Amino acid sequence: MKSGRMWLGIWVVIGATALATAVAVAAPAEQVRTVSGTVTAVTLPSKTIVVEAKVGNSTMTVGAEVPDGTSFKGAKSLADIAAGDRVTLQYVRSEKGLIAKSINRTSSK
């Protein structure tokens, strides 16, 4: 009986270790990032947007794919946004690059 309990204990430890390892290597949750700035380019065929934002004394340029399902505020779709518009872009990083989650047009040119 003692050896049976010992094996049960070993299997419990192995199972717990496997579960902890699986949780540790699981993909991290998407971190949504936000940038506010001026649109420098919109390319409808490739469904992309480029936003230039001031960050301190520097300028940051963010280009993102705008897939179907991206939410819009202040515009109905990507086709309603033009270079010179001011937007707030929320995006995530993926294996393919930056992917827009939402675009809020705060002013048009």
Protein backbone atom coordinates (compact mmCIF):
# COMPACT_ATOMS: atom_id res chain seq x y z
CA MET A 1 0.00 0.00 0.00
CA LYS A 2 2.87 2.34 0.81
CA SER A 3 4.35 2.00 -2.69
CA GLY A 4 0.90 2.75 -4.19
CA ARG A 5 0.72 6.03 -2.28
CA MET A 6 4.27 6.87 -3.32
CA TRP A 7 3.42 6.37 -7.00
CA LEU A 8 0.25 8.43 -6.58
CA GLY A 9 2.33 11.21 -5.04
CA ILE A 10 4.85 11.05 -7.90
CA TRP A 11 2.06 11.25 -10.52
CA VAL A 12 0.50 14.22 -8.73
CA VAL A 13 3.85 16.04 -8.78
CA ILE A 14 4.39 15.19 -12.46
CA GLY A 15 0.88 16.38 -13.34
CA ALA A 16 1.26 19.63 -11.40
CA THR A 17 4.64 20.28 -13.03
CA ALA A 18 3.21 19.68 -16.51
CA LEU A 19 0.29 22.02 -15.82
CA ALA A 20 2.56 24.75 -14.47
CA THR A 21 4.80 24.43 -17.53
CA ALA A 22 1.83 24.64 -19.90
CA VAL A 23 0.57 27.79 -18.18
CA ALA A 24 4.04 29.36 -18.24
CA VAL A 25 4.47 28.90 -22.00
CA ALA A 26 0.94 29.93 -22.96
CA ALA A 27 0.75 32.97 -25.23
CA PRO A 28 0.57 36.25 -23.30
CA ALA A 29 -2.60 38.30 -23.57
CA GLU A 30 -2.60 40.92 -26.32
CA GLN A 31 -1.30 44.21 -25.00
CA VAL A 32 -3.31 47.01 -26.55
CA ARG A 33 -1.20 50.11 -27.23
CA THR A 34 -2.53 53.58 -28.03
CA VAL A 35 -1.07 56.38 -30.11
CA SER A 36 -2.60 59.76 -30.98
CA GLY A 37 -1.32 61.76 -33.89
CA THR A 38 -1.70 62.82 -37.51
CA VAL A 39 -2.46 60.39 -40.31
CA THR A 40 0.32 60.50 -42.91
CA ALA A 41 -1.01 57.75 -45.17
CA VAL A 42 -4.04 55.57 -45.80
CA THR A 43 -3.78 52.76 -48.34
CA LEU A 44 -7.14 51.21 -49.07
CA PRO A 45 -6.04 48.23 -51.23
CA SER A 46 -3.76 46.94 -48.46
CA LYS A 47 -6.02 48.25 -45.66
CA THR A 48 -3.25 50.11 -43.83
CA ILE A 49 -2.88 53.36 -41.94
CA VAL A 50 0.22 55.29 -40.90
CA VAL A 51 0.08 57.68 -37.94
CA GLU A 52 2.82 60.08 -36.88
CA ALA A 53 2.85 61.13 -33.22
CA LYS A 54 5.01 63.45 -31.14
CA VAL A 55 6.63 61.72 -28.18
CA GLY A 56 8.63 64.22 -26.17
CA ASN A 57 11.16 65.72 -28.59
CA SER A 58 10.85 62.78 -30.98
CA THR A 59 8.41 61.68 -33.63
CA MET A 60 7.07 58.13 -33.65
CA THR A 61 5.60 56.58 -36.79
CA VAL A 62 3.15 53.70 -36.43
CA GLY A 63 1.87 51.75 -39.42
CA ALA A 64 -0.88 49.20 -38.86
CA GLU A 65 -3.07 46.85 -40.83
CA VAL A 66 -6.77 47.68 -40.50
CA PRO A 67 -8.65 44.37 -40.74
CA ASP A 68 -12.40 43.93 -41.05
CA GLY A 69 -13.87 44.23 -37.58
CA THR A 70 -11.77 47.24 -36.57
CA SER A 71 -14.03 49.66 -34.69
CA PHE A 72 -14.31 53.28 -35.85
CA LYS A 73 -15.44 56.45 -34.15
CA GLY A 74 -15.71 59.77 -35.99
CA ALA A 75 -15.52 57.87 -39.28
CA LYS A 76 -17.51 54.98 -40.71
CA SER A 77 -14.54 53.15 -42.23
CA LEU A 78 -10.93 53.47 -43.31
CA ALA A 79 -12.16 55.05 -46.56
CA ASP A 80 -13.43 58.05 -44.54
CA ILE A 81 -9.97 58.80 -43.11
CA ALA A 82 -7.39 60.85 -45.01
CA ALA A 83 -3.84 62.12 -44.58
CA GLY A 84 -3.90 65.13 -42.29
CA ASP A 85 -6.71 63.81 -40.07
CA ARG A 86 -5.98 63.49 -36.36
CA VAL A 87 -6.72 60.08 -34.87
CA THR A 88 -6.27 57.94 -31.83
CA LEU A 89 -5.20 54.46 -32.92
CA GLN A 90 -5.39 51.43 -30.66
CA TYR A 91 -3.37 48.47 -31.91
CA VAL A 92 -1.72 45.21 -30.94
CA ARG A 93 1.45 43.48 -32.09
CA SER A 94 1.13 40.16 -33.90
CA GLU A 95 3.34 37.85 -35.90
CA LYS A 96 2.21 39.74 -39.02
CA GLY A 97 2.99 43.19 -37.58
CA LEU A 98 0.78 45.83 -35.99
CA ILE A 99 -2.98 45.28 -36.16
CA ALA A 100 -5.50 48.08 -35.53
CA LYS A 101 -8.23 47.38 -33.00
CA SER A 102 -9.91 50.79 -33.08
CA ILE A 103 -9.50 54.14 -34.82
CA ASN A 104 -11.06 57.31 -33.41
CA ARG A 105 -10.90 60.28 -35.79
CA THR A 106 -10.72 63.33 -33.52
CA SER A 107 -10.54 65.92 -36.33
CA SER A 108 -10.41 65.98 -40.09
CA LYS A 109 -8.12 68.10 -42.22
